[in-house]
């Protein structure tokens, strides 16, 4: 789903990111955590999704289901990778985000 995709108000949709482990350590017990607060006027989702075990140089798909708000506008949600204890990983790197246009 490209950035800016139009989404009908009140509908459910799924965003999938494909990310690559470009490091030299296998990703295990890692999660993608929402850093944008859940708010009535924003797209709703779970707070955290598990990232499947990913060896160095491999890619992994991460999908999140969202529910669009009832009113038109723009919806941007930001995410960061954390460990099983919630510790932020790669704090100096930009995280992932999803941005859509909510339409009637």
Protein backbone atom coordinates (compact mmCIF):
# COMPACT_ATOMS: atom_id res chain seq x y z
CA UNK A 1 0.00 0.00 0.00
CA UNK A 2 1.75 3.16 -1.16
CA UNK A 3 1.82 6.29 1.02
CA UNK A 4 -1.20 8.49 0.45
CA UNK A 5 -3.52 5.64 -0.59
CA UNK A 6 -7.17 6.71 -0.32
CA UNK A 7 -9.08 4.62 2.26
CA UNK A 8 -12.84 4.82 2.87
CA UNK A 9 -13.80 6.20 6.28
CA UNK A 10 -14.76 3.50 8.79
CA UNK A 11 -13.20 0.61 6.88
CA UNK A 12 -10.56 -1.93 7.89
CA UNK A 13 -7.33 -2.30 5.90
CA UNK A 14 -3.91 -3.94 6.19
CA UNK A 15 -0.52 -2.31 5.72
CA UNK A 16 2.50 -4.54 5.08
CA UNK A 17 6.13 -3.45 5.28
CA UNK A 18 9.07 -5.51 3.99
CA UNK A 19 12.27 -4.80 5.90
CA UNK A 20 15.74 -6.29 5.57
CA UNK A 21 18.04 -7.31 8.39
CA UNK A 22 21.20 -5.60 7.16
CA UNK A 23 23.10 -6.32 10.37
CA UNK A 24 25.05 -9.38 11.49
CA UNK A 25 22.77 -10.54 14.35
CA UNK A 26 19.61 -12.61 13.93
CA UNK A 27 16.46 -10.77 14.94
CA UNK A 28 14.65 -12.82 17.57
CA UNK A 29 12.00 -11.76 20.06
CA UNK A 30 11.56 -8.44 18.30
CA UNK A 31 8.41 -6.43 17.81
CA UNK A 32 7.16 -3.46 15.88
CA UNK A 33 5.63 -1.06 18.42
CA UNK A 34 3.28 1.77 17.64
CA UNK A 35 4.73 5.10 18.83
CA UNK A 36 1.77 7.23 17.71
CA UNK A 37 -0.95 7.27 20.36
CA UNK A 38 -4.25 5.55 19.58
CA UNK A 39 -6.79 8.36 19.26
CA UNK A 40 -10.42 8.51 18.11
CA UNK A 41 -9.49 10.72 15.13
CA UNK A 42 -6.63 8.48 13.97
CA UNK A 43 -6.41 5.04 12.44
CA UNK A 44 -6.79 2.40 15.16
CA UNK A 45 -4.50 -0.65 15.48
CA UNK A 46 -2.82 -2.94 17.96
CA UNK A 47 0.07 -1.44 19.92
CA UNK A 48 2.63 -4.11 19.06
CA UNK A 49 3.15 -6.88 16.47
CA UNK A 50 5.71 -9.69 16.53
CA UNK A 51 8.49 -9.70 13.94
CA UNK A 52 9.29 -13.22 12.74
CA UNK A 53 12.83 -14.50 13.31
CA UNK A 54 15.01 -12.90 10.64
CA UNK A 55 18.59 -13.92 9.90
CA UNK A 56 21.16 -11.41 8.61
CA UNK A 57 20.63 -10.42 4.94
CA UNK A 58 17.06 -11.81 4.97
CA UNK A 59 13.87 -9.79 4.60
CA UNK A 60 10.68 -10.10 6.61
CA UNK A 61 7.13 -8.92 5.95
CA UNK A 62 5.30 -7.26 8.84
CA UNK A 63 1.55 -6.66 8.53
CA UNK A 64 -0.74 -4.57 10.72
CA UNK A 65 -4.52 -4.33 10.48
CA UNK A 66 -5.94 -0.81 10.85
CA UNK A 67 -9.43 0.59 11.24
CA UNK A 68 -9.91 3.97 9.56
CA UNK A 69 -11.63 6.78 11.50
CA UNK A 70 -15.17 7.83 10.57
CA UNK A 71 -14.18 11.27 9.26
CA UNK A 72 -12.06 12.24 6.21
CA UNK A 73 -8.51 13.49 6.65
CA UNK A 74 -4.94 12.28 6.77
CA UNK A 75 -3.79 9.44 9.01
CA UNK A 76 -0.11 8.85 9.82
CA UNK A 77 1.01 6.20 12.32
CA UNK A 78 4.68 5.71 13.29
CA UNK A 79 6.32 2.47 14.49
CA UNK A 80 9.69 1.50 16.00
CA UNK A 81 11.38 -1.85 16.65
CA UNK A 82 11.62 -2.98 20.28
CA UNK A 83 12.82 -6.11 22.09
CA UNK A 84 10.65 -8.42 24.22
CA UNK A 85 11.03 -6.07 27.21
CA UNK A 86 9.95 -3.02 25.19
CA UNK A 87 13.47 -1.57 24.91
CA UNK A 88 13.78 0.63 21.83
CA UNK A 89 16.17 -0.77 19.23
CA UNK A 90 17.94 1.43 16.68
CA UNK A 91 16.83 4.62 18.51
CA UNK A 92 18.72 6.94 16.15
CA UNK A 93 17.17 5.51 12.99
CA UNK A 94 13.85 6.57 11.51
CA UNK A 95 11.14 4.00 12.16
CA UNK A 96 8.43 2.77 9.85
CA UNK A 97 5.25 4.68 9.21
CA UNK A 98 1.93 4.39 7.45
CA UNK A 99 0.16 7.38 5.93
CA UNK A 100 -3.20 7.23 4.15
CA UNK A 101 -5.89 9.67 3.09
CA UNK A 102 -9.27 8.95 4.66
CA UNK A 103 -12.12 9.67 2.23
CA UNK A 104 -15.94 9.53 2.49
